[in-house]
C-alpha cells in the first residue's frame, strides 16, 4: 500500500507538497493558483490541487504536517480563511515550528547524506513555540519580557535526525517607530533589515529580490557598518541606520528621480548583508566543522552573498534550497513527517523541482481555441514533433519566445518549464523585455541558461548552479557579446542545465548553439511585473497576447504572431 505524507505551509508564500512513498509526487505554491503574489495564510486550493493530482482523498493520507510563522495552535478547518480539511479528519496532524520546517526542507532537498544546516530569515517562531531548543545553545535573552522570534538557527544532520546546535532570537517590535526605517519583523535580523531596506528603496513595491539587482549600480561612499558582529551574534546598529535612511521612497517616480541615492543604499545593505552572513557561517562552523552545508530561509536566496560565501572558503559545498523562502516550509513539513516521525532513512534527493502538474495537449488546444487563435489571420498555430528545433530557429532569428513545458517549477525561479527566452547577443534586448513584456524597472537583470558542458567556456568559476542561486563572473571576451545577460558589475545569475534535469531545454540550448555559435540563452520567468509565474496554458496564452512575446511554445504547439514561423 502506498504511503502519502502531506506537508503544508500557512505563512506568506504558502504552498502544499505531497510525498508518495517518500518522494515528492506533486507540489504547488498558493500564488500560482490564486494569482496573488506571495499569497498564503490557508491551503484550500493547494491541498485540493495535490490530492486531485494524486487521485486520493484526505482519508488516504497517513500524516499531515503543517507550519505557519507565529502560531502552533492552527485550526484544521479555519486558518486565515477556509481550509480543505475539517475537524472530523482522522489523519494525524503535526504542527512544526518555523525554522525546524525550513531546516528539514534543506535536508530533504539536498544531495548530502550528512551535513550542517543553516537557516537565516526575517523572523521565525516565538521562543515559546520552538520545538528544537533541546540541546541547542541559546543566548540568554529576557524571553519572558517580550516576543522573541527565531532569526538564525544552526543544525547538524547526521544521516538520520536533525540535531539543533545554536539558535539565535530577536525581539519583535512591530510598533517600534524609528526616525527612518522600521523593521517589519525581528528587530535584529539580517532578513528583516534587508526587507525594510527594500521597502525604503521601492516604496510600496514588495519584492526583496529587486534590492540585489539594484545594488551593482551603487557605491559605498564610506558608509559605516550596519551590523554589530560580536561573540557569534548579530545586531543591527540603529544609530547608523537612522542617520542614513532618511529619504524613503514613496513610489517608483520618487525612486527614478533619486536613483543614485537608492542604488547607493542598496549597495550598502547588500555589502553589509554579505559580511554578516559570512560571519555567521564562520562562527557556526566552529561548533561543528563539516564540508557540506544545506541552507534555507529567505536570506538563502541572495545569490550574490552565496557567491561570496563560496569564495570565502568557509563553506566547501553549499546547497541553497531552491524554494528557500516560506514557500519551502511545506517541503520541510513533508520530509519531517517521512523521516523524523515515520523513521524512514534519507535516500536520494529530488532530481529537479518541476513538481507542478503537466497539462495535456487537449488542454493546450482548448486554451488556443478559447483565445480565438485558430483561424485568426494574425496568428499561426502549428503542432509538431520538431518544436525544439523550430524554437531554436525562431530564437536565432531574434524572436522572444514564451516557453511552457511540463510541470511548473517550484520556487521563485523559471528554470526552463515556464520561461521567457531570447538571444542574449541582441543589443537592447534587456530593455525591450523589461519595458514591452515584463513591464518592470529597467535596471532588473536577466539570467543566462547554459549547458553544464559549456559553463566553463563562458564563466569564471563554472560552478554547477541548476537553480539560479549563485552568481558568477562572465569571462571578459564574452561580456560585450552577451550583453543581455550581464549585470552592471559583470556578474550573471547562472543556470546550468543538464540533459537529466531538463532534456528538451538542454536540447534547445544545443540547437541554438548549432545555429549561432553561442551556447547561452537569456532566461526569465513567464510572467510580468506583479504577476506570479503562469501555471496553466490559458494563463500563458493571455500573457502572450498582452505584450511583445513573439512566439509561444506550449508543449509541442508553436504559436506565432503574424504568421512569422519559418517552416
Protein backbone atom coordinates (compact mmCIF):
# COMPACT_ATOMS: atom_id res chain seq x y z
CA UNK A 1 0.00 0.00 0.00
CA UNK A 2 1.28 3.47 -0.88
CA UNK A 3 2.10 5.89 1.92
CA UNK A 4 1.17 9.55 1.48
CA UNK A 5 2.51 12.39 3.65
CA UNK A 6 1.18 15.89 3.08
CA UNK A 7 3.17 18.96 4.09
CA UNK A 8 1.52 22.35 4.04
CA UNK A 9 2.81 25.86 4.72
CA UNK A 10 0.48 28.52 6.10
CA UNK A 11 2.80 31.52 6.26
CA UNK A 12 3.04 34.07 3.45
CA UNK A 13 4.19 32.38 0.24
CA UNK A 14 2.02 29.41 1.16
CA UNK A 15 2.29 26.02 -0.52
CA UNK A 16 1.45 22.32 -0.26
CA UNK A 17 3.60 19.26 -1.01
CA UNK A 18 2.55 15.62 -1.30
CA UNK A 19 5.04 12.80 -0.75
CA UNK A 20 4.27 9.35 -2.12
CA UNK A 21 6.47 6.70 -0.52
CA UNK A 22 8.97 9.38 0.46
CA UNK A 23 9.27 11.10 -2.94
CA UNK A 24 7.71 14.40 -3.96
CA UNK A 25 4.80 13.49 -6.20
CA UNK A 26 3.34 16.98 -6.64
CA UNK A 27 3.75 20.43 -5.09
CA UNK A 28 2.25 23.84 -5.73
CA UNK A 29 2.59 27.38 -4.37
CA UNK A 30 -0.62 29.15 -3.49
CA UNK A 31 0.20 32.22 -5.58
CA UNK A 32 0.22 30.09 -8.75
CA UNK A 33 -3.44 29.22 -8.18
CA UNK A 34 -4.82 32.39 -6.59
CA UNK A 35 -2.78 34.61 -8.97
CA UNK A 36 -1.84 36.86 -5.99
CA UNK A 37 1.91 37.29 -5.44
CA UNK A 38 3.22 35.90 -2.13
CA UNK A 39 -0.25 34.63 -1.21
CA UNK A 40 -0.61 32.43 1.86
CA UNK A 41 -2.50 32.00 5.09
CA UNK A 42 -4.60 29.00 4.11
CA UNK A 43 -4.22 25.98 1.89
CA UNK A 44 -7.64 25.04 0.49
CA UNK A 45 -6.69 25.38 -3.18
CA UNK A 46 -3.17 23.94 -2.85
CA UNK A 47 -4.30 20.86 -0.90
CA UNK A 48 -7.10 20.22 -3.40
CA UNK A 49 -4.62 20.60 -6.29
CA UNK A 50 -2.27 17.99 -4.77
CA UNK A 51 -4.97 15.49 -3.77
CA UNK A 52 -6.72 15.79 -7.14
CA UNK A 53 -3.42 15.22 -8.93
CA UNK A 54 -2.82 12.04 -6.91
CA UNK A 55 -6.44 10.91 -7.19
CA UNK A 56 -6.77 10.49 -3.42
CA UNK A 57 -8.82 11.93 -0.55
CA UNK A 58 -7.74 13.15 2.91
CA UNK A 59 -8.62 9.70 4.26
CA UNK A 60 -5.78 8.23 2.17
CA UNK A 61 -3.17 10.40 3.91
CA UNK A 62 -1.00 8.76 6.55
CA UNK A 63 0.14 12.04 8.07
CA UNK A 64 -0.37 15.79 7.72
CA UNK A 65 2.40 18.16 8.85
CA UNK A 66 1.84 21.92 8.81
CA UNK A 67 3.78 25.09 9.67
CA UNK A 68 2.99 28.75 9.94
CA UNK A 69 5.06 31.51 11.50
CA UNK A 70 3.83 32.80 14.82
CA UNK A 71 1.28 30.12 15.80
CA UNK A 72 1.35 26.49 16.84
CA UNK A 73 -2.39 26.27 17.54
CA UNK A 74 -3.64 26.10 13.96
CA UNK A 75 -7.23 25.12 13.27
CA UNK A 76 -7.69 22.42 10.68
CA UNK A 77 -10.97 23.91 9.49
CA UNK A 78 -10.20 27.63 9.70
CA UNK A 79 -6.89 29.43 9.46
CA UNK A 80 -6.79 32.83 7.74
CA UNK A 81 -9.57 31.54 5.51
CA UNK A 82 -11.20 28.26 4.60
CA UNK A 83 -9.09 25.13 4.67
CA UNK A 84 -9.57 21.85 2.84
CA UNK A 85 -9.69 19.74 5.99
CA UNK A 86 -12.38 19.66 8.63
CA UNK A 87 -12.23 18.84 12.31
CA UNK A 88 -13.52 15.30 11.75
CA UNK A 89 -10.49 14.14 9.77
CA UNK A 90 -8.90 11.01 11.29
CA UNK A 91 -5.42 11.56 9.85
CA UNK A 92 -2.83 12.58 12.48
CA UNK A 93 -1.80 16.25 12.24
CA UNK A 94 1.52 17.68 13.47
CA UNK A 95 2.46 21.36 13.60
CA UNK A 96 6.15 22.31 13.23
CA UNK A 97 7.92 25.45 14.36
CA UNK A 98 9.17 27.72 11.60
CA UNK A 99 12.94 27.18 11.44
CA UNK A 100 12.58 23.44 12.00
CA UNK A 101 10.44 23.27 8.86
CA UNK A 102 12.97 25.36 6.93
CA UNK A 103 15.81 23.12 8.11
CA UNK A 104 14.09 19.89 7.10
CA UNK A 105 13.38 21.39 3.67
CA UNK A 106 17.10 21.92 3.21
CA UNK A 107 17.93 18.41 4.45
CA UNK A 108 15.32 16.68 2.30
CA UNK A 109 16.17 18.51 -0.92
CA UNK A 110 19.94 18.47 -0.54
CA UNK A 111 22.19 15.82 -2.13
CA UNK A 112 24.03 15.31 1.19
CA UNK A 113 23.55 12.28 3.42
CA UNK A 114 25.20 14.18 6.27
CA UNK A 115 25.62 17.94 6.50
CA UNK A 116 25.42 21.10 8.53
CA UNK A 117 22.22 23.10 8.12
CA UNK A 118 21.84 26.88 8.33
CA UNK A 119 18.56 28.79 8.44
CA UNK A 120 18.53 32.61 8.16
CA UNK A 121 15.39 34.66 7.56
CA UNK A 122 13.40 37.65 8.76
CA UNK A 123 11.52 36.04 11.64
CA UNK A 124 10.52 32.55 12.66
CA UNK A 125 8.56 31.09 15.54
CA UNK A 126 8.44 32.66 19.00
CA UNK A 127 10.83 31.13 21.54
CA UNK A 128 7.99 29.55 23.50
CA UNK A 129 6.77 27.65 20.44
CA UNK A 130 10.09 26.30 19.12
CA UNK A 131 10.31 22.52 19.04
CA UNK A 132 14.07 22.40 18.51
CA UNK A 133 15.52 24.01 21.64
CA UNK A 134 16.71 20.86 23.41
CA UNK A 135 20.48 20.58 23.20
CA UNK A 136 20.90 23.87 21.34
CA UNK A 137 22.96 26.79 22.57
CA UNK A 138 20.67 29.81 23.03
CA UNK A 139 21.76 33.30 24.17
CA UNK A 140 20.24 34.45 27.46
CA UNK A 141 17.61 36.97 26.42
CA UNK A 142 14.73 38.08 28.71
CA UNK A 143 12.31 35.80 26.85
CA UNK A 144 9.51 36.48 29.30
CA UNK A 145 9.79 40.24 28.77
CA UNK A 146 8.67 40.42 25.15
CA UNK A 147 8.06 38.46 21.97
CA UNK A 148 11.34 36.93 20.83
CA UNK A 149 11.39 35.09 17.50
CA UNK A 150 13.94 32.98 15.64
CA UNK A 151 16.32 34.82 13.33
CA UNK A 152 19.02 32.22 12.62
CA UNK A 153 19.35 28.56 13.52
CA UNK A 154 22.18 26.08 13.04
CA UNK A 155 21.89 22.29 12.99
CA UNK A 156 23.78 19.14 12.09
CA UNK A 157 22.09 16.34 10.16
CA UNK A 158 23.77 13.04 10.99
CA UNK A 159 22.06 10.97 8.31
CA UNK A 160 19.09 10.09 10.48
CA UNK A 161 17.99 13.08 12.50
CA UNK A 162 18.47 16.83 12.79
CA UNK A 163 20.46 17.99 15.82
CA UNK A 164 19.96 21.64 16.92
CA UNK A 165 23.29 23.26 17.81
CA UNK A 166 22.69 27.02 18.04
CA UNK A 167 19.58 29.18 17.84
CA UNK A 168 19.51 32.97 17.97
CA UNK A 169 16.47 35.13 18.60
CA UNK A 170 15.48 38.77 18.47
CA UNK A 171 12.68 40.77 19.97
CA UNK A 172 9.89 41.62 17.54
CA UNK A 173 8.94 45.28 17.83
CA UNK A 174 6.08 45.60 15.37
CA UNK A 175 5.10 49.03 16.65
CA UNK A 176 8.60 50.39 17.05
CA UNK A 177 8.93 53.85 15.48
CA UNK A 178 12.41 54.86 14.43
CA UNK A 179 13.37 58.06 12.69
CA UNK A 180 13.66 56.43 9.31
CA UNK A 181 13.43 52.68 8.95
CA UNK A 182 11.03 50.32 10.67
CA UNK A 183 11.79 46.61 10.58
CA UNK A 184 8.59 44.71 9.86
CA UNK A 185 9.77 41.59 11.69
CA UNK A 186 12.69 40.92 14.04
CA UNK A 187 14.48 43.94 15.34
CA UNK A 188 17.95 42.48 14.79
CA UNK A 189 17.61 40.03 11.89
CA UNK A 190 19.53 40.06 8.62
CA UNK A 191 16.38 39.24 6.66
CA UNK A 192 14.37 41.88 8.49
CA UNK A 193 16.82 44.67 7.68
CA UNK A 194 17.06 43.59 4.04
CA UNK A 195 13.28 43.58 3.71
CA UNK A 196 13.00 47.00 5.34
CA UNK A 197 15.68 48.41 3.05
CA UNK A 198 13.75 47.08 0.05
CA UNK A 199 10.67 48.98 1.19
CA UNK A 200 12.81 52.07 1.77
CA UNK A 201 14.07 52.00 -1.82
CA UNK A 202 10.91 50.96 -3.65
CA UNK A 203 8.09 52.46 -1.63
CA UNK A 204 5.06 50.23 -1.84
CA UNK A 205 6.75 47.71 -4.15
CA UNK A 206 7.16 44.43 -2.27
CA UNK A 207 9.91 42.43 -3.90
CA UNK A 208 13.07 41.96 -1.85
CA UNK A 209 14.93 40.46 -4.80
CA UNK A 210 14.98 43.85 -6.52
CA UNK A 211 17.43 45.19 -3.95
CA UNK A 212 20.08 42.68 -5.02
CA UNK A 213 19.56 43.74 -8.66
CA UNK A 214 19.84 47.43 -7.79
CA UNK A 215 22.99 47.15 -5.66
CA UNK A 216 25.57 46.96 -8.51
CA UNK A 217 24.50 50.43 -9.68
CA UNK A 218 25.54 52.00 -6.37
CA UNK A 219 28.68 52.81 -4.42
CA UNK A 220 29.58 52.54 -0.74
CA UNK A 221 30.84 56.12 -0.34
CA UNK A 222 32.43 55.48 3.04
CA UNK A 223 29.30 54.48 4.91
CA UNK A 224 29.76 52.78 8.31
CA UNK A 225 28.82 49.26 9.29
CA UNK A 226 25.17 48.26 9.68
CA UNK A 227 25.65 45.19 11.86
CA UNK A 228 27.45 44.59 15.13
CA UNK A 229 29.21 41.24 14.71
CA UNK A 230 30.39 40.08 18.11
CA UNK A 231 30.52 36.88 20.17
CA UNK A 232 28.84 34.91 17.38
CA UNK A 233 25.79 37.20 17.42
CA UNK A 234 24.44 39.83 15.03
CA UNK A 235 22.69 43.06 15.94
CA UNK A 236 21.51 45.94 13.76
CA UNK A 237 23.27 49.23 14.58
CA UNK A 238 20.32 51.59 14.59
CA UNK A 239 22.44 54.65 15.25
CA UNK A 240 23.84 54.23 11.72
CA UNK A 241 20.51 53.19 10.24
CA UNK A 242 18.80 56.33 11.47
CA UNK A 243 21.48 58.67 10.11
CA UNK A 244 21.39 57.41 6.52
CA UNK A 245 17.91 56.00 5.89
CA UNK A 246 16.34 59.46 5.81
CA UNK A 247 14.74 59.69 2.33
CA UNK A 248 12.29 56.79 1.99
CA UNK A 249 10.82 56.38 -1.48
CA UNK A 250 7.12 57.00 -1.90
CA UNK A 251 6.92 55.03 -5.12
CA UNK A 252 8.53 54.41 -8.49
CA UNK A 253 8.58 58.05 -9.64
CA UNK A 254 10.37 59.03 -6.45
CA UNK A 255 12.77 56.13 -6.92
CA UNK A 256 13.62 57.15 -10.51
CA UNK A 257 14.15 60.78 -9.58
CA UNK A 258 16.70 59.86 -6.91
CA UNK A 259 18.08 56.69 -8.45
CA UNK A 260 21.69 57.25 -7.34
CA UNK A 261 20.70 57.56 -3.68
CA UNK A 262 18.65 54.36 -3.66
CA UNK A 263 21.31 52.49 -5.61
CA UNK A 264 23.91 53.54 -3.04
CA UNK A 265 21.66 52.41 -0.20
CA UNK A 266 21.04 49.06 -1.89
CA UNK A 267 24.77 48.56 -2.38
CA UNK A 268 25.44 49.39 1.26
CA UNK A 269 22.81 46.97 2.59
CA UNK A 270 23.91 44.21 0.20
CA UNK A 271 27.56 44.60 1.15
CA UNK A 272 26.80 44.60 4.88
CA UNK A 273 24.47 41.63 4.49
CA UNK A 274 27.22 39.63 2.81
CA UNK A 275 29.61 40.40 5.69
CA UNK A 276 27.01 39.37 8.28
CA UNK A 277 26.22 36.09 6.52
CA UNK A 278 29.88 35.17 6.15
CA UNK A 279 30.46 35.96 9.83
CA UNK A 280 27.53 33.79 10.87
CA UNK A 281 28.71 30.79 8.83
CA UNK A 282 32.25 31.24 10.11
CA UNK A 283 31.16 31.30 13.74
CA UNK A 284 28.70 28.41 13.49
CA UNK A 285 31.13 26.23 11.56
CA UNK A 286 33.43 26.33 14.60
CA UNK A 287 30.77 24.41 16.55
CA UNK A 288 30.57 21.56 14.02
CA UNK A 289 33.11 21.61 11.17
CA UNK A 290 31.77 19.97 8.02
CA UNK A 291 32.46 20.36 4.29
CA UNK A 292 28.77 20.32 3.30
CA UNK A 293 26.19 22.95 4.20
CA UNK A 294 22.46 22.89 3.37
CA UNK A 295 20.90 26.34 3.59
CA UNK A 296 17.32 27.66 3.79
CA UNK A 297 15.30 30.68 4.92
CA UNK A 298 14.62 33.68 2.70
CA UNK A 299 18.18 35.03 3.05
CA UNK A 300 19.47 31.89 1.29
CA UNK A 301 18.03 33.27 -1.98
CA UNK A 302 20.68 36.02 -2.01
CA UNK A 303 22.72 34.71 -4.93
CA UNK A 304 25.43 37.36 -4.55
CA UNK A 305 26.01 36.53 -0.89
CA UNK A 306 26.11 32.82 -1.75
CA UNK A 307 28.85 33.56 -4.26
CA UNK A 308 30.86 35.45 -1.65
CA UNK A 309 30.32 32.64 0.84
CA UNK A 310 31.83 30.09 -1.52
CA UNK A 311 34.75 32.38 -2.32
CA UNK A 312 35.42 32.85 1.42
CA UNK A 313 36.42 29.19 1.75
CA UNK A 314 34.38 28.80 4.95
CA UNK A 315 31.99 26.52 3.11
CA UNK A 316 33.33 23.95 0.66
CA UNK A 317 29.99 22.70 -0.69
CA UNK A 318 26.82 24.79 -0.41
CA UNK A 319 23.31 23.65 -1.25
CA UNK A 320 20.83 26.52 -1.11
CA UNK A 321 17.30 25.12 -1.12
CA UNK A 322 15.67 26.34 -4.39
CA UNK A 323 12.47 27.36 -2.56
CA UNK A 324 14.38 28.70 0.44
CA UNK A 325 11.68 31.19 1.46
CA UNK A 326 8.42 30.36 3.19
CA UNK A 327 7.17 28.55 0.08
CA UNK A 328 9.63 25.83 1.11
CA UNK A 329 8.05 25.26 4.53
CA UNK A 330 5.68 22.68 3.06
CA UNK A 331 8.64 20.68 1.74
CA UNK A 332 10.23 20.66 5.18
CA UNK A 333 6.96 19.63 6.81
CA UNK A 334 6.57 16.68 4.45
CA UNK A 335 10.15 15.47 4.90
CA UNK A 336 9.92 15.86 8.68
CA UNK A 337 6.89 13.58 8.61
CA UNK A 338 8.58 10.98 6.45
CA UNK A 339 12.00 10.93 8.13
CA UNK A 340 11.59 12.08 11.72
CA UNK A 341 8.06 10.89 12.53
CA UNK A 342 7.87 7.75 10.39
CA UNK A 343 11.55 6.89 10.76
CA UNK A 344 12.49 6.36 7.11
CA UNK A 345 16.18 6.94 6.23
CA UNK A 346 17.22 9.61 3.77
CA UNK A 347 17.87 8.15 0.33
CA UNK A 348 18.18 10.17 -2.86
CA UNK A 349 17.19 13.82 -3.23
CA UNK A 350 14.81 15.04 -5.97
CA UNK A 351 16.47 15.34 -9.37
CA UNK A 352 14.58 18.54 -10.22
CA UNK A 353 11.92 20.96 -8.92
CA UNK A 354 9.32 20.56 -11.68
CA UNK A 355 6.64 19.49 -9.21
CA UNK A 356 3.55 21.03 -10.84
CA UNK A 357 1.02 19.04 -12.84
CA UNK A 358 1.52 18.54 -16.56
CA UNK A 359 -1.14 19.84 -18.94
CA UNK A 360 -2.24 17.62 -21.82
CA UNK A 361 -2.28 18.63 -25.47
CA UNK A 362 -6.07 18.67 -25.24
CA UNK A 363 -5.91 21.34 -22.54
CA UNK A 364 -3.48 23.33 -24.67
CA UNK A 365 -5.77 23.03 -27.68
CA UNK A 366 -8.71 24.25 -25.60
CA UNK A 367 -6.73 27.30 -24.45
CA UNK A 368 -5.76 28.14 -28.03
CA UNK A 369 -9.34 27.75 -29.25
CA UNK A 370 -10.85 29.75 -26.39
CA UNK A 371 -8.47 32.63 -27.11
CA UNK A 372 -9.65 32.66 -30.73
CA UNK A 373 -6.23 31.92 -32.24
CA UNK A 374 -7.37 29.12 -34.59
CA UNK A 375 -8.33 30.57 -37.95
CA UNK A 376 -7.14 34.03 -36.91
CA UNK A 377 -5.04 35.60 -39.68
CA UNK A 378 -2.89 37.41 -37.10
CA UNK A 379 -1.52 34.09 -35.80
CA UNK A 380 -0.18 30.76 -36.96
CA UNK A 381 -0.62 27.65 -34.82
CA UNK A 382 1.48 24.56 -35.54
CA UNK A 383 1.68 21.27 -33.65
CA UNK A 384 4.89 19.45 -34.50
CA UNK A 385 7.33 16.92 -33.07
CA UNK A 386 10.14 19.26 -34.21
CA UNK A 387 9.10 22.03 -31.82
CA UNK A 388 12.52 22.22 -30.12
CA UNK A 389 14.48 22.70 -33.34
CA UNK A 390 11.92 25.16 -34.72
CA UNK A 391 12.02 27.16 -31.47
CA UNK A 392 15.80 27.36 -31.76
CA UNK A 393 15.34 28.75 -35.28
CA UNK A 394 12.99 31.43 -34.01
CA UNK A 395 15.37 32.39 -31.21
CA UNK A 396 18.24 32.61 -33.69
CA UNK A 397 16.09 34.96 -35.79
CA UNK A 398 15.86 37.32 -32.82
CA UNK A 399 12.38 36.38 -31.64
CA UNK A 400 11.37 36.46 -27.98
CA UNK A 401 9.84 33.11 -27.03
CA UNK A 402 7.46 32.11 -24.27
CA UNK A 403 8.39 28.51 -23.35
CA UNK A 404 5.83 26.35 -21.50
CA UNK A 405 6.69 22.70 -20.88
CA UNK A 406 5.73 20.01 -18.37
CA UNK A 407 5.02 20.72 -14.72
CA UNK A 408 5.79 24.15 -13.30
CA UNK A 409 8.92 24.90 -11.29
CA UNK A 410 8.51 25.04 -7.52
CA UNK A 411 10.19 28.17 -6.21
CA UNK A 412 10.83 31.71 -7.43
CA UNK A 413 12.99 30.96 -10.49
CA UNK A 414 11.97 29.97 -14.00
CA UNK A 415 14.23 27.06 -14.92
CA UNK A 416 13.09 26.07 -18.39
CA UNK A 417 9.47 24.99 -17.90
CA UNK A 418 7.82 28.44 -17.53
CA UNK A 419 10.33 30.76 -19.17
CA UNK A 420 10.68 33.71 -21.50
CA UNK A 421 13.71 33.12 -23.71
CA UNK A 422 15.76 35.28 -26.07
CA UNK A 423 19.11 35.61 -27.83
CA UNK A 424 21.42 37.40 -25.32
CA UNK A 425 23.54 38.89 -28.14
CA UNK A 426 20.78 41.26 -29.29
CA UNK A 427 21.57 44.85 -28.41
CA UNK A 428 18.84 46.35 -26.30
CA UNK A 429 17.12 43.01 -25.65
CA UNK A 430 17.13 43.57 -21.87
CA UNK A 431 15.36 46.93 -22.18
CA UNK A 432 12.90 45.51 -24.72
CA UNK A 433 11.83 42.63 -22.47
CA UNK A 434 11.69 44.80 -19.35
CA UNK A 435 9.61 47.53 -21.00
CA UNK A 436 7.40 45.71 -23.51
CA UNK A 437 6.94 42.23 -21.97
CA UNK A 438 7.70 42.25 -18.24
CA UNK A 439 6.59 45.89 -17.76
CA UNK A 440 9.10 46.35 -14.96
CA UNK A 441 12.04 48.52 -13.91
CA UNK A 442 14.84 48.89 -16.47
CA UNK A 443 17.67 48.02 -14.05
CA UNK A 444 16.36 44.47 -13.49
CA UNK A 445 18.77 41.83 -14.91
CA UNK A 446 18.14 38.56 -16.71
CA UNK A 447 19.76 35.17 -16.20
CA UNK A 448 21.80 33.08 -18.64
CA UNK A 449 20.95 29.41 -19.10
CA UNK A 450 23.87 27.31 -20.31
CA UNK A 451 24.51 23.60 -20.66
CA UNK A 452 26.75 22.24 -17.93
CA UNK A 453 29.19 21.08 -20.61
CA UNK A 454 29.82 24.69 -21.70
CA UNK A 455 29.69 26.65 -18.46
CA UNK A 456 33.47 26.86 -18.16
CA UNK A 457 33.63 28.41 -21.64
CA UNK A 458 31.68 31.49 -20.58
CA UNK A 459 32.04 31.90 -16.80
CA UNK A 460 35.00 32.26 -14.45
CA UNK A 461 34.19 29.79 -11.66
CA UNK A 462 31.96 27.47 -13.71
CA UNK A 463 30.01 26.31 -10.67
CA UNK A 464 27.14 23.91 -11.12
CA UNK A 465 24.04 26.05 -10.48
CA UNK A 466 20.81 24.42 -11.70
CA UNK A 467 18.55 26.66 -9.60
CA UNK A 468 19.95 30.17 -10.26
CA UNK A 469 21.01 30.71 -6.64
CA UNK A 470 24.63 31.60 -7.41
CA UNK A 471 26.21 34.34 -9.44
CA UNK A 472 29.38 34.00 -11.48
CA UNK A 473 31.61 36.43 -13.36
CA UNK A 474 31.40 36.35 -17.13
CA UNK A 475 34.72 35.93 -18.89
CA UNK A 476 35.94 39.23 -20.41
CA UNK A 477 35.83 38.00 -24.00
CA UNK A 478 32.08 37.39 -23.75
CA UNK A 479 30.97 40.47 -21.83
CA UNK A 480 30.14 42.66 -24.82
CA UNK A 481 28.84 39.82 -26.98
CA UNK A 482 26.32 38.63 -24.37
CA UNK A 483 25.18 41.99 -23.10
CA UNK A 484 21.62 40.83 -22.48
CA UNK A 485 22.56 38.58 -19.54
CA UNK A 486 25.43 40.55 -17.98
CA UNK A 487 24.68 42.72 -14.97
CA UNK A 488 26.15 46.14 -14.26
CA UNK A 489 29.11 44.67 -12.34
CA UNK A 490 29.99 41.95 -14.87
CA UNK A 491 28.23 39.17 -12.99
CA UNK A 492 25.45 36.80 -14.07
CA UNK A 493 22.98 34.69 -12.09
CA UNK A 494 23.73 31.50 -13.99
CA UNK A 495 21.54 28.46 -14.54
CA UNK A 496 23.41 25.33 -15.58
CA UNK A 497 21.34 22.73 -17.43
CA UNK A 498 21.90 19.01 -17.76
CA UNK A 499 20.10 16.57 -20.01
CA UNK A 500 18.85 14.64 -16.99
CA UNK A 501 17.47 17.82 -15.39
CA UNK A 502 15.55 19.08 -18.43
CA UNK A 503 16.08 17.22 -21.68
CA UNK A 504 14.08 19.50 -24.01
CA UNK A 505 15.64 22.67 -22.61
CA UNK A 506 19.11 21.13 -22.86
CA UNK A 507 18.42 20.26 -26.49
CA UNK A 508 17.06 23.74 -27.19
CA UNK A 509 20.24 25.41 -25.94
CA UNK A 510 22.29 22.97 -28.03
CA UNK A 511 20.22 23.59 -31.16
CA UNK A 512 20.53 27.34 -30.62
CA UNK A 513 24.31 26.97 -30.33
CA UNK A 514 24.42 24.94 -33.55
CA UNK A 515 22.71 27.80 -35.37
CA UNK A 516 24.51 30.76 -33.76
CA UNK A 517 27.76 29.51 -32.24
CA UNK A 518 26.54 30.72 -28.81
CA UNK A 519 25.50 28.20 -26.16
CA UNK A 520 23.71 30.65 -23.87
CA UNK A 521 20.06 31.72 -23.74
CA UNK A 522 18.55 34.67 -21.90
CA UNK A 523 16.03 33.19 -19.46
CA UNK A 524 13.44 34.96 -17.33
CA UNK A 525 10.15 33.92 -15.77
CA UNK A 526 6.97 33.60 -17.83
CA UNK A 527 5.08 36.45 -16.18
CA UNK A 528 5.06 40.21 -15.95
CA UNK A 529 5.59 42.60 -13.04
CA UNK A 530 3.25 41.88 -10.13
CA UNK A 531 2.10 38.55 -11.58
CA UNK A 532 3.03 35.07 -10.32
CA UNK A 533 4.65 32.75 -12.87
CA UNK A 534 1.95 31.29 -15.11
CA UNK A 535 0.59 27.90 -14.14
CA UNK A 536 -1.83 26.96 -16.96
CA UNK A 537 -1.78 27.08 -20.76
CA UNK A 538 -4.64 29.60 -20.69
CA UNK A 539 -2.60 31.95 -18.49
CA UNK A 540 0.36 31.58 -20.84
CA UNK A 541 -1.80 32.47 -23.85
CA UNK A 542 -3.19 35.51 -22.04
CA UNK A 543 0.33 36.74 -21.26
CA UNK A 544 1.40 36.12 -24.87
CA UNK A 545 -1.46 38.30 -26.11
CA UNK A 546 -0.84 41.10 -23.62
CA UNK A 547 2.75 42.01 -24.55
CA UNK A 548 5.52 41.70 -27.08
CA UNK A 549 6.34 37.98 -26.86
CA UNK A 550 6.72 36.92 -30.50
CA UNK A 551 6.35 33.15 -30.22
CA UNK A 552 4.63 30.97 -27.62
CA UNK A 553 5.55 27.28 -27.34
CA UNK A 554 3.02 25.23 -25.37
CA UNK A 555 4.07 21.58 -25.17
CA UNK A 556 4.60 20.80 -28.88
CA UNK A 557 2.38 23.65 -30.16
CA UNK A 558 4.11 26.70 -31.65
CA UNK A 559 2.03 29.88 -31.87
CA UNK A 560 3.47 32.82 -33.80
CA UNK A 561 2.17 36.30 -34.28
CA UNK A 562 1.68 37.44 -37.88
CA UNK A 563 2.43 34.02 -39.46
CA UNK A 564 6.07 34.54 -38.64
CA UNK A 565 7.18 30.91 -38.35
CA UNK A 566 9.74 29.53 -40.79
CA UNK A 567 8.69 26.05 -41.87
